[in-house]
Amino acid sequence: MDSKTALIAGALDHLMRHTLTGCEHAAHHAAQLLDVLSERADLDREMRSLCGRMSECLEAGHV
């Protein structure tokens, strides 16, 4: 598994854990991974934007 795939899988895993349990720790980890993804040059602009917006929502407690 390449690093991009691992980051996406990790972010989705933490996001799902947060969604199912409300765990703020999982939300924080998902936000961190999504933030890293939002900076990756090997993702297209739309995907980077989506990752950045989701990270901001998680950190603000809107999800």
PDB file of N, CA and C in Angstrom:
ATOM      1  N   MET A   1       0.862  -1.177   0.000  1.00  0.00           N
ATOM      2  CA  MET A   1       0.000   0.000   0.000  1.00  0.00           C
ATOM      3  C   MET A   1       0.902   1.231   0.000  1.00  0.00           C
ATOM      4  N   ASP A   2       0.637   2.169  -0.905  1.00  0.00           N
ATOM      5  CA  ASP A   2       1.454   3.380  -0.940  1.00  0.00           C
ATOM      6  C   ASP A   2       1.015   4.350   0.158  1.00  0.00           C
ATOM      7  N   SER A   3       1.811   5.390   0.376  1.00  0.00           N
ATOM      8  CA  SER A   3       1.552   6.302   1.492  1.00  0.00           C
ATOM      9  C   SER A   3       0.242   7.058   1.328  1.00  0.00           C
ATOM     10  N   LYS A   4      -0.104   7.431   0.092  1.00  0.00           N
ATOM     11  CA  LYS A   4      -1.360   8.148  -0.141  1.00  0.00           C
ATOM     12  C   LYS A   4      -2.546   7.269   0.239  1.00  0.00           C
ATOM     13  N   THR A   5      -2.513   6.024  -0.195  1.00  0.00           N
ATOM     14  CA  THR A   5      -3.596   5.087   0.114  1.00  0.00           C
ATOM     15  C   THR A   5      -3.684   4.846   1.610  1.00  0.00           C
ATOM     16  N   ALA A   6      -2.545   4.712   2.263  1.00  0.00           N
ATOM     17  CA  ALA A   6      -2.524   4.494   3.717  1.00  0.00           C
ATOM     18  C   ALA A   6      -3.110   5.700   4.457  1.00  0.00           C
ATOM     19  N   LEU A   7      -2.787   6.907   4.008  1.00  0.00           N
ATOM     20  CA  LEU A   7      -3.335   8.109   4.647  1.00  0.00           C
ATOM     21  C   LEU A   7      -4.848   8.186   4.472  1.00  0.00           C
ATOM     22  N   ILE A   8      -5.316   7.894   3.272  1.00  0.00           N
ATOM     23  CA  ILE A   8      -6.760   7.926   3.017  1.00  0.00           C
ATOM     24  C   ILE A   8      -7.471   6.877   3.855  1.00  0.00           C
ATOM     25  N   ALA A   9      -6.934   5.660   3.886  1.00  0.00           N
ATOM     26  CA  ALA A   9      -7.539   4.586   4.683  1.00  0.00           C
ATOM     27  C   ALA A   9      -7.553   4.950   6.160  1.00  0.00           C
ATOM     28  N   GLY A  10      -6.471   5.516   6.647  1.00  0.00           N
ATOM     29  CA  GLY A  10      -6.398   5.913   8.055  1.00  0.00           C
ATOM     30  C   GLY A  10      -7.393   7.011   8.386  1.00  0.00           C
ATOM     31  N   ALA A  11      -7.488   8.002   7.503  1.00  0.00           N
ATOM     32  CA  ALA A  11      -8.433   9.096   7.737  1.00  0.00           C
ATOM     33  C   ALA A  11      -9.866   8.576   7.762  1.00  0.00           C
ATOM     34  N   LEU A  12     -10.204   7.700   6.818  1.00  0.00           N
ATOM     35  CA  LEU A  12     -11.556   7.138   6.788  1.00  0.00           C
ATOM     36  C   LEU A  12     -11.844   6.267   8.004  1.00  0.00           C
ATOM     37  N   ASP A  13     -10.837   5.509   8.447  1.00  0.00           N
ATOM     38  CA  ASP A  13     -11.011   4.671   9.641  1.00  0.00           C
ATOM     39  C   ASP A  13     -11.311   5.533  10.868  1.00  0.00           C
ATOM     40  N   HIS A  14     -10.530   6.580  11.063  1.00  0.00           N
ATOM     41  CA  HIS A  14     -10.760   7.465  12.216  1.00  0.00           C
ATOM     42  C   HIS A  14     -12.077   8.224  12.083  1.00  0.00           C
ATOM     43  N   LEU A  15     -12.408   8.640  10.867  1.00  0.00           N
ATOM     44  CA  LEU A  15     -13.668   9.340  10.648  1.00  0.00           C
ATOM     45  C   LEU A  15     -14.849   8.426  10.969  1.00  0.00           C
ATOM     46  N   MET A  16     -14.779   7.170  10.540  1.00  0.00           N
ATOM     47  CA  MET A  16     -15.844   6.210  10.836  1.00  0.00           C
ATOM     48  C   MET A  16     -15.947   5.962  12.340  1.00  0.00           C
ATOM     49  N   ARG A  17     -14.807   5.822  12.998  1.00  0.00           N
ATOM     50  CA  ARG A  17     -14.807   5.620  14.454  1.00  0.00           C
ATOM     51  C   ARG A  17     -15.467   6.803  15.156  1.00  0.00           C
ATOM     52  N   HIS A  18     -15.137   8.018  14.712  1.00  0.00           N
ATOM     53  CA  HIS A  18     -15.750   9.213  15.293  1.00  0.00           C
ATOM     54  C   HIS A  18     -17.257   9.227  15.038  1.00  0.00           C
ATOM     55  N   THR A  19     -17.653   8.901  13.817  1.00  0.00           N
ATOM     56  CA  THR A  19     -19.070   8.906  13.446  1.00  0.00           C
ATOM     57  C   THR A  19     -19.855   7.893  14.270  1.00  0.00           C
ATOM     58  N   LEU A  20     -19.288   6.718  14.477  1.00  0.00           N
ATOM     59  CA  LEU A  20     -19.995   5.653  15.202  1.00  0.00           C
ATOM     60  C   LEU A  20     -20.001   5.843  16.713  1.00  0.00           C
ATOM     61  N   THR A  21     -18.933   6.445  17.256  1.00  0.00           N
ATOM     62  CA  THR A  21     -18.810   6.511  18.716  1.00  0.00           C
ATOM     63  C   THR A  21     -18.813   7.923  19.287  1.00  0.00           C
ATOM     64  N   GLY A  22     -18.592   8.921  18.422  1.00  0.00           N
ATOM     65  CA  GLY A  22     -18.491  10.288  18.917  1.00  0.00           C
ATOM     66  C   GLY A  22     -17.144  10.599  19.536  1.00  0.00           C
ATOM     67  N   CYS A  23     -16.169   9.704  19.354  1.00  0.00           N
ATOM     68  CA  CYS A  23     -14.848   9.869  19.958  1.00  0.00           C
ATOM     69  C   CYS A  23     -14.132  11.091  19.369  1.00  0.00           C
ATOM     70  N   GLU A  24     -13.861  12.059  20.218  1.00  0.00           N
ATOM     71  CA  GLU A  24     -13.184  13.276  19.772  1.00  0.00           C
ATOM     72  C   GLU A  24     -11.723  13.014  19.416  1.00  0.00           C
ATOM     73  N   HIS A  25     -11.121  12.038  20.070  1.00  0.00           N
ATOM     74  CA  HIS A  25      -9.736  11.665  19.763  1.00  0.00           C
ATOM     75  C   HIS A  25      -9.648  11.164  18.314  1.00  0.00           C
ATOM     76  N   ALA A  26     -10.607  10.339  17.908  1.00  0.00           N
ATOM     77  CA  ALA A  26     -10.653   9.834  16.533  1.00  0.00           C
ATOM     78  C   ALA A  26     -10.888  10.984  15.552  1.00  0.00           C
ATOM     79  N   ALA A  27     -11.732  11.938  15.924  1.00  0.00           N
ATOM     80  CA  ALA A  27     -11.982  13.097  15.063  1.00  0.00           C
ATOM     81  C   ALA A  27     -10.699  13.899  14.866  1.00  0.00           C
ATOM     82  N   HIS A  28      -9.943  14.075  15.932  1.00  0.00           N
ATOM     83  CA  HIS A  28      -8.691  14.826  15.851  1.00  0.00           C
ATOM     84  C   HIS A  28      -7.692  14.109  14.941  1.00  0.00           C
ATOM     85  N   HIS A  29      -7.582  12.795  15.093  1.00  0.00           N
ATOM     86  CA  HIS A  29      -6.663  12.031  14.244  1.00  0.00           C
ATOM     87  C   HIS A  29      -7.089  12.095  12.776  1.00  0.00           C
ATOM     88  N   ALA A  30      -8.388  11.968  12.522  1.00  0.00           N
ATOM     89  CA  ALA A  30      -8.892  12.065  11.147  1.00  0.00           C
ATOM     90  C   ALA A  30      -8.558  13.438  10.575  1.00  0.00           C
ATOM     91  N   ALA A  31      -8.764  14.485  11.366  1.00  0.00           N
ATOM     92  CA  ALA A  31      -8.478  15.848  10.904  1.00  0.00           C
ATOM     93  C   ALA A  31      -7.002  16.015  10.575  1.00  0.00           C
ATOM     94  N   GLN A  32      -6.136  15.460  11.397  1.00  0.00           N
ATOM     95  CA  GLN A  32      -4.698  15.560  11.137  1.00  0.00           C
ATOM     96  C   GLN A  32      -4.334  14.879   9.817  1.00  0.00           C
ATOM     97  N   LEU A  33      -4.859  13.674   9.609  1.00  0.00           N
ATOM     98  CA  LEU A  33      -4.561  12.949   8.376  1.00  0.00           C
ATOM     99  C   LEU A  33      -5.142  13.669   7.164  1.00  0.00           C
ATOM    100  N   LEU A  34      -6.345  14.186   7.289  1.00  0.00           N
ATOM    101  CA  LEU A  34      -6.954  14.926   6.188  1.00  0.00           C
ATOM    102  C   LEU A  34      -6.171  16.195   5.878  1.00  0.00           C
ATOM    103  N   ASP A  35      -5.641  16.813   6.898  1.00  0.00           N
ATOM    104  CA  ASP A  35      -4.823  18.013   6.694  1.00  0.00           C
ATOM    105  C   ASP A  35      -3.554  17.667   5.904  1.00  0.00           C
ATOM    106  N   VAL A  36      -2.933  16.557   6.247  1.00  0.00           N
ATOM    107  CA  VAL A  36      -1.755  16.107   5.497  1.00  0.00           C
ATOM    108  C   VAL A  36      -2.139  15.845   4.036  1.00  0.00           C
ATOM    109  N   LEU A  37      -3.271  15.172   3.832  1.00  0.00           N
ATOM    110  CA  LEU A  37      -3.729  14.894   2.474  1.00  0.00           C
ATOM    111  C   LEU A  37      -4.003  16.179   1.694  1.00  0.00           C
ATOM    112  N   SER A  38      -4.492  17.194   2.372  1.00  0.00           N
ATOM    113  CA  SER A  38      -4.820  18.452   1.692  1.00  0.00           C
ATOM    114  C   SER A  38      -3.584  19.167   1.159  1.00  0.00           C
ATOM    115  N   GLU A  39      -2.409  18.762   1.618  1.00  0.00           N
ATOM    116  CA  GLU A  39      -1.149  19.378   1.195  1.00  0.00           C
ATOM    117  C   GLU A  39      -0.400  18.547   0.155  1.00  0.00           C
ATOM    118  N   ARG A  40      -0.907  17.375  -0.187  1.00  0.00           N
ATOM    119  CA  ARG A  40      -0.180  16.471  -1.085  1.00  0.00           C
ATOM    120  C   ARG A  40      -0.323  16.892  -2.545  1.00  0.00           C
ATOM    121  N   ALA A  41       0.812  17.008  -3.206  1.00  0.00           N
ATOM    122  CA  ALA A  41       0.832  17.402  -4.614  1.00  0.00           C
ATOM    123  C   ALA A  41       0.318  16.286  -5.525  1.00  0.00           C
ATOM    124  N   ASP A  42       0.310  15.039  -5.028  1.00  0.00           N
ATOM    125  CA  ASP A  42      -0.120  13.934  -5.879  1.00  0.00           C
ATOM    126  C   ASP A  42      -1.632  13.702  -5.846  1.00  0.00           C
ATOM    127  N   LEU A  43      -2.369  14.583  -5.182  1.00  0.00           N
ATOM    128  CA  LEU A  43      -3.832  14.565  -5.223  1.00  0.00           C
ATOM    129  C   LEU A  43      -4.297  15.747  -6.065  1.00  0.00           C
ATOM    130  N   ASP A  44      -5.418  15.573  -6.727  1.00  0.00           N
ATOM    131  CA  ASP A  44      -5.906  16.695  -7.530  1.00  0.00           C
ATOM    132  C   ASP A  44      -6.447  17.807  -6.631  1.00  0.00           C
ATOM    133  N   ARG A  45      -6.617  18.972  -7.216  1.00  0.00           N
ATOM    134  CA  ARG A  45      -7.013  20.165  -6.456  1.00  0.00           C
ATOM    135  C   ARG A  45      -8.333  19.974  -5.717  1.00  0.00           C
ATOM    136  N   GLU A  46      -9.308  19.350  -6.366  1.00  0.00           N
ATOM    137  CA  GLU A  46     -10.613  19.144  -5.728  1.00  0.00           C
ATOM    138  C   GLU A  46     -10.505  18.235  -4.508  1.00  0.00           C
ATOM    139  N   MET A  47      -9.733  17.154  -4.627  1.00  0.00           N
ATOM    140  CA  MET A  47      -9.558  16.233  -3.496  1.00  0.00           C
ATOM    141  C   MET A  47      -8.836  16.924  -2.347  1.00  0.00           C
ATOM    142  N   ARG A  48      -7.799  17.725  -2.665  1.00  0.00           N
ATOM    143  CA  ARG A  48      -7.096  18.467  -1.612  1.00  0.00           C
ATOM    144  C   ARG A  48      -8.040  19.432  -0.912  1.00  0.00           C
ATOM    145  N   SER A  49      -8.889  20.086  -1.682  1.00  0.00           N
ATOM    146  CA  SER A  49      -9.853  21.024  -1.109  1.00  0.00           C
ATOM    147  C   SER A  49     -10.856  20.303  -0.199  1.00  0.00           C
ATOM    148  N   LEU A  50     -11.370  19.180  -0.665  1.00  0.00           N
ATOM    149  CA  LEU A  50     -12.320  18.410   0.153  1.00  0.00           C
ATOM    150  C   LEU A  50     -11.687  17.952   1.462  1.00  0.00           C
ATOM    151  N   CYS A  51     -10.454  17.464   1.376  1.00  0.00           N
ATOM    152  CA  CYS A  51      -9.758  17.015   2.587  1.00  0.00           C
ATOM    153  C   CYS A  51      -9.547  18.176   3.558  1.00  0.00           C
ATOM    154  N   GLY A  52      -9.161  19.322   3.028  1.00  0.00           N
ATOM    155  CA  GLY A  52      -8.951  20.496   3.874  1.00  0.00           C
ATOM    156  C   GLY A  52     -10.227  20.960   4.545  1.00  0.00           C
ATOM    157  N   ARG A  53     -11.324  20.985   3.793  1.00  0.00           N
ATOM    158  CA  ARG A  53     -12.596  21.418   4.373  1.00  0.00           C
ATOM    159  C   ARG A  53     -13.084  20.449   5.439  1.00  0.00           C
ATOM    160  N   MET A  54     -12.933  19.153   5.198  1.00  0.00           N
ATOM    161  CA  MET A  54     -13.368  18.166   6.184  1.00  0.00           C
ATOM    162  C   MET A  54     -12.518  18.258   7.442  1.00  0.00           C
ATOM    163  N   SER A  55     -11.226  18.476   7.266  1.00  0.00           N
ATOM    164  CA  SER A  55     -10.340  18.643   8.416  1.00  0.00           C
ATOM    165  C   SER A  55     -10.788  19.829   9.268  1.00  0.00           C
ATOM    166  N   GLU A  56     -11.088  20.936   8.611  1.00  0.00           N
ATOM    167  CA  GLU A  56     -11.543  22.133   9.334  1.00  0.00           C
ATOM    168  C   GLU A  56     -12.861  21.870  10.069  1.00  0.00           C
ATOM    169  N   CYS A  57     -13.779  21.169   9.429  1.00  0.00           N
ATOM    170  CA  CYS A  57     -15.068  20.849  10.074  1.00  0.00           C
ATOM    171  C   CYS A  57     -14.866  19.974  11.306  1.00  0.00           C
ATOM    172  N   LEU A  58     -14.012  18.969  11.175  1.00  0.00           N
ATOM    173  CA  LEU A  58     -13.745  18.094  12.317  1.00  0.00           C
ATOM    174  C   LEU A  58     -13.120  18.851  13.477  1.00  0.00           C
ATOM    175  N   GLU A  59     -12.124  19.682  13.179  1.00  0.00           N
ATOM    176  CA  GLU A  59     -11.459  20.433  14.239  1.00  0.00           C
ATOM    177  C   GLU A  59     -12.398  21.446  14.911  1.00  0.00           C
ATOM    178  N   ALA A  60     -13.357  21.951  14.145  1.00  0.00           N
ATOM    179  CA  ALA A  60     -14.310  22.911  14.694  1.00  0.00           C
ATOM    180  C   ALA A  60     -15.468  22.217  15.417  1.00  0.00           C
ATOM    181  N   GLY A  61     -15.527  20.890  15.325  1.00  0.00           N
ATOM    182  CA  GLY A  61     -16.591  20.139  16.006  1.00  0.00           C
ATOM    183  C   GLY A  61     -17.926  20.159  15.271  1.00  0.00           C
ATOM    184  N   HIS A  62     -17.893  20.414  13.969  1.00  0.00           N
ATOM    185  CA  HIS A  62     -19.127  20.473  13.186  1.00  0.00           C
ATOM    186  C   HIS A  62     -19.553  19.125  12.625  1.00  0.00           C
ATOM    187  N   VAL A  63     -18.776  18.092  12.874  1.00  0.00           N
ATOM    188  CA  VAL A  63     -19.113  16.765  12.347  1.00  0.00           C
ATOM    189  C   VAL A  63     -19.319  15.820  13.506  1.00  0.00           C
TER     190      VAL A  63
END
